[in-house]
Amino acid sequence: MIEKEDPVISEEEAAQYDRQIRLWGLDAQKRLRGSRVLLAGLGGLGAEVAKNLILAGVKGLTLLDHEQVSEESCRAQFLVPVTAQGQNRAKASLERAQNLNPMVKVHADPDRIEDKPDDFFLQFDAVCLTGCSRDLMIRVDQLCSKHNIKVFCGDVYGYYGYMFCNLGQAHNYVEEKPKVVKPSGESNDGPKAKKAKVDPNETTMVKKTASFCTLKEALAVDWTSEKAKAGLKRTPVDYFLLQVLLKFRTDKGRDPDPQSFPEDSQLLRQIRDDVLESLSLNSDLLNDDFISYCFSEMSPVCAVVGGVLGQEVVKRLTVFSR
C-alpha cells in the first residue's frame, strides 16, 4: 500500500476547482487531490464515472479494460472515437479522458482484471468495478475490505441500473441537523414552553457511524429465514433482477445482446426461474416484462447511474483519507 503524501493545491488548481472548493472546502479538495482511483470497465457507465472523477480532480485515475471497441459500445461510450473500433477500450478512451482535465493523471491499462494480483488493488484509495463478473466483484470486495479501501460496483442493463458500495464495518460520517433550542426554566408561557424547539435557521453537526456489509453478504440473503421473509415486501424486485443478470453474465461470459434477442430472452426466463427457485421464491415475483428492458447500455441511464456512482466515490474520498 502506498503512503499518501500531503497534497498541495496550486494557484492554478485553486482556480480550476474554485466552485467545488466553495462547496465542500479546501481540506476536502486536498483529500480528493491526493486520491488514486481504479476504474474497471470502460463501457457507457464506466465513461460517465470516469468523466465525473476526472472533472472532480482526483490525483490519478487508472482505466482498466481488456475489451475491444465495438459498434455496440460506441453507442453509449462517448470517450472512444467511432473510428476506434477494434482497438482496446481503455487505450481508445485515454485521449478524450485526459483532455477533460490535464491536472489529473489518467492511465490506461489493457490487461484483464482477472489476471491482476492482489497487490495491484492495494495501491488505490477506491476501486470502482463496472461490467465485472459476480465472482470477481466478491473477490475484490473482500480483499479491499481488509485494507480499508472503499469499493464501489455498478452496471447498466437497458433501462435498469444499480450501484453497490462497501465503506467498511465502521464508517464514520457527519450529519447536519436543525439545532434544538432548549427552553428556559424561567419561562412563564405554561407547559408548552417546557418543550424543546427546533430552530430552522441554525444547524448542528452530529457524528454517526454506519456498518456496511460485503457484496457477498448482500447477494447471499437466506430468504427462508423469518427476518428475510418479513422484509420481502419491502425489497425492490430489482434486487432479484440483478441476481438474474449477474447469473446470465456468469453463464454466458457476456450481457444480453440485442442481436440475439430471441435466444437470450428464452435464456433469461430460464435463469429467472432457476435463480428464484434456488432462493426458495416464487417465479411470479419477477414477471416476464423485465426481459424487454434489460438489453444494451442506454446513454441516459448510464448518465444517471454514473452521476450517482461518481458522486458517491467523490463523497467518500473528500471525507476520508488513509
Protein backbone atom coordinates (compact mmCIF):
# COMPACT_ATOMS: atom_id res chain seq x y z
CA MET A 1 0.00 0.00 0.00
CA ILE A 2 1.38 3.39 -1.00
CA GLU A 3 1.64 6.03 1.70
CA LYS A 4 -0.26 9.18 0.81
CA GLU A 5 1.74 12.37 0.58
CA ASP A 6 0.33 15.62 1.84
CA PRO A 7 -1.34 17.11 -1.26
CA VAL A 8 -0.77 20.76 -2.09
CA ILE A 9 -3.26 22.80 -4.12
CA SER A 10 -1.52 25.15 -6.54
CA GLU A 11 -2.94 28.51 -7.58
CA GLU A 12 -3.89 27.04 -10.94
CA GLU A 13 -5.73 24.19 -9.28
CA ALA A 14 -7.43 26.56 -6.83
CA ALA A 15 -8.78 28.49 -9.81
CA GLN A 16 -9.78 25.29 -11.63
CA TYR A 17 -11.63 23.84 -8.63
CA ASP A 18 -12.87 27.14 -7.19
CA ARG A 19 -16.55 26.21 -7.37
CA GLN A 20 -16.25 22.89 -5.60
CA ILE A 21 -13.80 24.27 -3.01
CA ARG A 22 -16.52 26.75 -2.10
CA LEU A 23 -18.96 23.82 -1.88
CA TRP A 24 -17.02 21.32 0.28
CA GLY A 25 -13.95 23.26 1.43
CA LEU A 26 -10.21 23.31 0.74
CA ASP A 27 -9.35 20.39 3.02
CA ALA A 28 -11.84 18.14 1.24
CA GLN A 29 -10.42 19.12 -2.14
CA LYS A 30 -6.91 18.34 -0.88
CA ARG A 31 -8.01 14.86 0.16
CA LEU A 32 -9.58 14.34 -3.25
CA ARG A 33 -6.46 15.69 -4.95
CA GLY A 34 -4.36 13.12 -3.11
CA SER A 35 -6.53 10.11 -4.02
CA ARG A 36 -5.87 7.38 -6.58
CA VAL A 37 -8.83 5.53 -8.10
CA LEU A 38 -9.10 2.34 -10.15
CA LEU A 39 -11.99 2.20 -12.63
CA ALA A 40 -12.57 -1.20 -14.23
CA GLY A 41 -14.80 -1.42 -17.29
CA LEU A 42 -14.96 1.31 -19.94
CA GLY A 43 -18.46 0.81 -21.23
CA GLY A 44 -21.08 3.54 -21.20
CA LEU A 45 -21.33 3.56 -17.41
CA GLY A 46 -17.56 3.50 -16.98
CA ALA A 47 -17.21 6.51 -19.27
CA GLU A 48 -19.68 8.51 -17.17
CA VAL A 49 -17.91 7.62 -13.92
CA ALA A 50 -14.52 8.44 -15.44
CA LYS A 51 -15.75 11.85 -16.57
CA ASN A 52 -17.13 12.69 -13.12
CA LEU A 53 -13.98 11.63 -11.26
CA ILE A 54 -11.64 13.44 -13.64
CA LEU A 55 -13.61 16.68 -13.51
CA ALA A 56 -13.78 16.46 -9.71
CA GLY A 57 -9.98 16.44 -9.58
CA VAL A 58 -8.61 13.16 -8.21
CA LYS A 59 -4.83 12.71 -8.22
CA GLY A 60 -4.84 9.74 -10.58
CA LEU A 61 -7.32 7.53 -12.40
CA THR A 62 -6.45 4.14 -13.88
CA LEU A 63 -8.74 2.93 -16.67
CA LEU A 64 -8.65 -0.87 -16.73
CA ASP A 65 -10.33 -2.75 -19.59
CA HIS A 66 -9.22 -5.58 -21.88
CA GLU A 67 -12.26 -5.43 -24.17
CA GLN A 68 -12.18 -4.04 -27.70
CA VAL A 69 -14.27 -1.16 -29.01
CA SER A 70 -17.34 -2.44 -30.84
CA GLU A 71 -20.19 -0.78 -32.68
CA GLU A 72 -22.45 -1.54 -29.72
CA SER A 73 -20.10 0.06 -27.17
CA CYS A 74 -19.79 3.24 -29.26
CA ARG A 75 -23.49 3.99 -28.80
CA ALA A 76 -23.21 4.78 -25.10
CA GLN A 77 -19.46 5.35 -24.67
CA PHE A 78 -18.56 8.96 -25.51
CA LEU A 79 -14.84 8.72 -24.71
CA VAL A 80 -13.99 6.49 -27.68
CA PRO A 81 -13.96 7.84 -31.26
CA VAL A 82 -16.20 6.00 -33.74
CA THR A 83 -13.05 5.32 -35.76
CA ALA A 84 -11.55 3.31 -32.88
CA GLN A 85 -13.48 0.09 -33.46
CA GLY A 86 -11.27 -2.93 -32.86
CA GLN A 87 -8.94 -1.04 -30.52
CA ASN A 88 -8.61 -1.59 -26.79
CA ARG A 89 -11.35 0.36 -24.96
CA ALA A 90 -9.10 1.68 -22.19
CA LYS A 91 -6.44 2.96 -24.61
CA ALA A 92 -9.04 4.36 -27.02
CA SER A 93 -10.65 6.29 -24.14
CA LEU A 94 -7.40 7.75 -22.81
CA GLU A 95 -7.02 10.85 -25.01
CA ARG A 96 -10.52 12.24 -24.52
CA ALA A 97 -10.46 11.36 -20.83
CA GLN A 98 -7.16 13.16 -20.29
CA ASN A 99 -8.38 16.23 -22.20
CA LEU A 100 -11.20 16.64 -19.68
CA ASN A 101 -8.69 17.72 -17.03
CA PRO A 102 -4.93 17.83 -17.72
CA MET A 103 -4.28 18.16 -13.96
CA VAL A 104 -5.37 14.55 -13.37
CA LYS A 105 -3.01 11.70 -14.23
CA VAL A 106 -5.05 9.30 -16.35
CA HIS A 107 -3.53 5.92 -17.17
CA ALA A 108 -4.89 3.20 -19.49
CA ASP A 109 -4.32 -0.46 -18.63
CA PRO A 110 -5.37 -3.02 -21.30
CA ASP A 111 -4.90 -6.09 -19.09
CA ARG A 112 -7.64 -8.43 -17.88
CA ILE A 113 -8.70 -7.56 -14.35
CA GLU A 114 -9.00 -11.29 -13.58
CA ASP A 115 -5.23 -11.60 -14.12
CA LYS A 116 -4.30 -8.83 -11.70
CA PRO A 117 -2.65 -9.96 -8.44
CA ASP A 118 -4.00 -8.82 -5.10
CA ASP A 119 -1.17 -6.32 -4.63
CA PHE A 120 -2.33 -4.41 -7.69
CA PHE A 121 -5.54 -3.25 -5.98
CA LEU A 122 -3.79 -2.12 -2.80
CA GLN A 123 -2.22 0.93 -4.46
CA PHE A 124 -5.61 2.66 -4.76
CA ASP A 125 -7.79 4.57 -2.31
CA ALA A 126 -11.00 3.49 -4.05
CA VAL A 127 -11.88 0.76 -6.55
CA CYS A 128 -14.88 1.08 -8.85
CA LEU A 129 -15.97 -2.03 -10.77
CA THR A 130 -18.30 -2.00 -13.79
CA GLY A 131 -19.02 -4.79 -16.22
CA CYS A 132 -17.36 -7.39 -13.97
CA SER A 133 -18.44 -10.89 -13.04
CA ARG A 134 -20.03 -11.67 -9.69
CA ASP A 135 -17.11 -13.80 -8.52
CA LEU A 136 -14.57 -11.12 -9.40
CA MET A 137 -16.52 -8.37 -7.62
CA ILE A 138 -16.78 -10.53 -4.50
CA ARG A 139 -13.04 -11.30 -4.61
CA VAL A 140 -12.02 -7.64 -4.95
CA ASP A 141 -14.54 -6.50 -2.35
CA GLN A 142 -13.29 -8.98 0.24
CA LEU A 143 -9.66 -8.07 -0.47
CA CYS A 144 -10.19 -4.31 -0.28
CA SER A 145 -12.33 -4.56 2.85
CA LYS A 146 -9.35 -6.00 4.72
CA HIS A 147 -7.21 -2.98 3.74
CA ASN A 148 -9.71 -0.15 4.28
CA ILE A 149 -10.06 0.51 0.55
CA LYS A 150 -13.50 1.72 -0.49
CA VAL A 151 -15.25 -0.49 -3.06
CA PHE A 152 -17.97 0.55 -5.49
CA CYS A 153 -19.76 -1.61 -8.05
CA GLY A 154 -22.29 -0.71 -10.71
CA ASP A 155 -23.82 -1.74 -14.01
CA VAL A 156 -26.44 -0.69 -16.53
CA TYR A 157 -28.69 -3.14 -18.34
CA GLY A 158 -31.06 -1.33 -20.68
CA TYR A 159 -33.45 0.68 -18.53
CA TYR A 160 -32.08 -0.87 -15.33
CA GLY A 161 -29.06 0.16 -13.31
CA TYR A 162 -27.62 -0.43 -9.86
CA MET A 163 -24.74 0.57 -7.62
CA PHE A 164 -23.24 -1.02 -4.52
CA CYS A 165 -20.72 0.37 -2.07
CA ASN A 166 -18.83 -1.14 0.83
CA LEU A 167 -17.41 1.53 3.13
CA GLY A 168 -16.37 -0.81 5.92
CA GLN A 169 -17.63 -2.16 9.23
CA ALA A 170 -17.30 1.21 10.97
CA HIS A 171 -18.00 4.05 8.54
CA ASN A 172 -17.88 7.38 10.38
CA TYR A 173 -19.72 10.34 8.94
CA VAL A 174 -21.26 13.65 9.97
CA GLU A 175 -24.93 14.55 9.52
CA GLU A 176 -26.22 18.10 9.57
CA LYS A 177 -29.41 18.56 11.60
CA PRO A 178 -31.51 21.54 12.71
CA LYS A 179 -30.42 22.85 16.08
CA VAL A 180 -32.71 22.06 19.01
CA VAL A 181 -33.14 25.02 21.38
CA LYS A 182 -33.76 24.08 25.00
CA PRO A 183 -36.45 26.11 26.75
CA SER A 184 -35.54 28.49 29.52
CA GLY A 185 -36.51 27.36 33.03
CA GLU A 186 -37.77 30.87 33.85
CA SER A 187 -40.41 30.96 31.13
CA ASN A 188 -43.99 31.82 32.16
CA ASP A 189 -45.61 30.56 28.99
CA GLY A 190 -47.01 27.40 30.58
CA PRO A 191 -46.42 23.70 29.80
CA LYS A 192 -45.75 24.23 26.09
CA ALA A 193 -42.73 26.37 26.88
CA LYS A 194 -41.04 23.38 28.52
CA LYS A 195 -40.79 21.54 25.16
CA ALA A 196 -37.61 21.84 23.14
CA LYS A 197 -37.95 23.85 19.94
CA VAL A 198 -36.26 23.36 16.59
CA ASP A 199 -34.57 26.43 15.15
CA PRO A 200 -34.66 26.09 11.32
CA ASN A 201 -32.11 28.89 10.95
CA GLU A 202 -29.36 27.07 12.86
CA THR A 203 -27.87 23.65 12.34
CA THR A 204 -25.56 21.37 14.29
CA MET A 205 -23.24 18.60 13.10
CA VAL A 206 -23.89 15.14 14.56
CA LYS A 207 -21.25 12.39 14.32
CA LYS A 208 -22.61 8.97 13.35
CA THR A 209 -21.31 5.51 12.49
CA ALA A 210 -22.74 3.06 9.95
CA SER A 211 -21.79 -0.54 9.23
CA PHE A 212 -21.70 -1.82 5.64
CA CYS A 213 -21.98 -5.45 4.60
CA THR A 214 -19.85 -7.09 1.94
CA LEU A 215 -21.14 -7.75 -1.56
CA LYS A 216 -21.13 -11.49 -0.85
CA GLU A 217 -23.39 -10.95 2.15
CA ALA A 218 -25.69 -8.66 0.17
CA LEU A 219 -26.17 -11.26 -2.57
CA ALA A 220 -26.41 -14.31 -0.30
CA VAL A 221 -29.51 -13.50 1.75
CA ASP A 222 -31.32 -16.53 3.17
CA TRP A 223 -34.89 -15.87 2.10
CA THR A 224 -36.18 -18.83 4.11
CA SER A 225 -35.38 -17.06 7.39
CA GLU A 226 -38.18 -15.29 9.24
CA LYS A 227 -36.34 -11.97 9.16
CA ALA A 228 -35.87 -12.10 5.39
CA LYS A 229 -39.48 -13.15 4.81
CA ALA A 230 -40.67 -10.18 6.86
CA GLY A 231 -38.63 -7.81 4.69
CA LEU A 232 -39.52 -9.40 1.34
CA LYS A 233 -42.35 -6.97 0.58
CA ARG A 234 -40.02 -4.03 1.17
CA THR A 235 -37.33 -5.46 -1.09
CA PRO A 236 -37.34 -3.95 -4.61
CA VAL A 237 -37.87 -6.52 -7.34
CA ASP A 238 -34.75 -5.06 -8.99
CA TYR A 239 -32.67 -6.90 -6.38
CA PHE A 240 -33.78 -10.23 -7.83
CA LEU A 241 -33.41 -8.93 -11.37
CA LEU A 242 -29.77 -8.15 -10.54
CA GLN A 243 -29.29 -11.74 -9.39
CA VAL A 244 -30.65 -12.97 -12.75
CA LEU A 245 -28.46 -10.66 -14.83
CA LEU A 246 -25.30 -11.50 -12.87
CA LYS A 247 -26.05 -15.21 -13.35
CA PHE A 248 -26.51 -14.59 -17.10
CA ARG A 249 -23.10 -12.90 -17.22
CA THR A 250 -21.51 -15.77 -15.31
CA ASP A 251 -23.03 -18.43 -17.56
CA LYS A 252 -22.53 -16.72 -20.93
CA GLY A 253 -19.50 -14.51 -20.26
CA ARG A 254 -21.42 -11.50 -21.59
CA ASP A 255 -24.60 -9.47 -21.08
CA PRO A 256 -27.89 -9.92 -23.01
CA ASP A 257 -27.25 -9.00 -26.65
CA PRO A 258 -29.90 -7.24 -28.80
CA GLN A 259 -28.67 -9.19 -31.82
CA SER A 260 -29.53 -12.42 -30.00
CA PHE A 261 -32.82 -11.21 -28.55
CA PRO A 262 -34.96 -14.37 -29.13
CA GLU A 263 -32.33 -16.76 -27.74
CA ASP A 264 -31.28 -14.50 -24.86
CA SER A 265 -34.91 -13.81 -23.91
CA GLN A 266 -35.56 -17.51 -23.50
CA LEU A 267 -32.36 -17.92 -21.52
CA LEU A 268 -33.30 -15.04 -19.23
CA ARG A 269 -36.62 -16.71 -18.45
CA GLN A 270 -34.89 -19.97 -17.62
CA ILE A 271 -32.28 -18.24 -15.44
CA ARG A 272 -35.05 -16.27 -13.71
CA ASP A 273 -36.83 -19.50 -12.81
CA ASP A 274 -33.62 -21.18 -11.65
CA VAL A 275 -32.45 -18.23 -9.55
CA LEU A 276 -35.77 -17.70 -7.79
CA GLU A 277 -36.13 -21.43 -7.18
CA SER A 278 -32.66 -21.54 -5.62
CA LEU A 279 -33.73 -18.68 -3.35
CA SER A 280 -36.94 -20.55 -2.42
CA LEU A 281 -39.05 -17.83 -4.02
CA ASN A 282 -41.96 -17.97 -6.47
CA SER A 283 -41.11 -17.18 -10.11
CA ASP A 284 -44.11 -14.81 -10.20
CA LEU A 285 -42.03 -12.39 -8.14
CA LEU A 286 -40.31 -11.29 -11.36
CA ASN A 287 -42.67 -11.35 -14.34
CA ASP A 288 -41.62 -11.60 -17.99
CA ASP A 289 -41.88 -7.84 -18.60
CA PHE A 290 -38.30 -7.29 -17.39
CA ILE A 291 -36.92 -9.06 -20.47
CA SER A 292 -37.85 -6.27 -22.86
CA TYR A 293 -35.99 -3.64 -20.83
CA CYS A 294 -32.59 -5.15 -19.98
CA PHE A 295 -30.77 -5.27 -23.32
CA SER A 296 -27.80 -3.00 -24.08
CA GLU A 297 -26.50 0.07 -22.27
CA MET A 298 -28.61 3.20 -22.75
CA SER A 299 -26.89 6.58 -22.61
CA PRO A 300 -29.49 8.34 -20.42
CA VAL A 301 -29.44 5.52 -17.88
CA CYS A 302 -25.64 5.49 -17.89
CA ALA A 303 -25.65 9.23 -17.22
CA VAL A 304 -27.98 8.89 -14.21
CA VAL A 305 -26.31 5.85 -12.64
CA GLY A 306 -22.84 7.20 -13.47
CA GLY A 307 -23.71 10.50 -11.84
CA VAL A 308 -24.81 8.81 -8.61
CA LEU A 309 -21.88 6.37 -8.61
CA GLY A 310 -19.30 9.06 -9.32
CA GLN A 311 -20.82 11.31 -6.67
CA GLU A 312 -20.60 8.59 -4.03
CA VAL A 313 -16.94 7.92 -4.84
CA VAL A 314 -16.14 11.63 -4.59
CA LYS A 315 -18.03 11.98 -1.29
CA ARG A 316 -16.03 9.20 0.34
CA LEU A 317 -12.69 10.45 -0.97
CA THR A 318 -13.32 14.00 0.24
CA VAL A 319 -14.25 12.87 3.74
CA PHE A 320 -11.74 10.11 4.38
CA SER A 321 -8.03 9.66 3.76
CA ARG A 322 -5.62 6.94 4.71
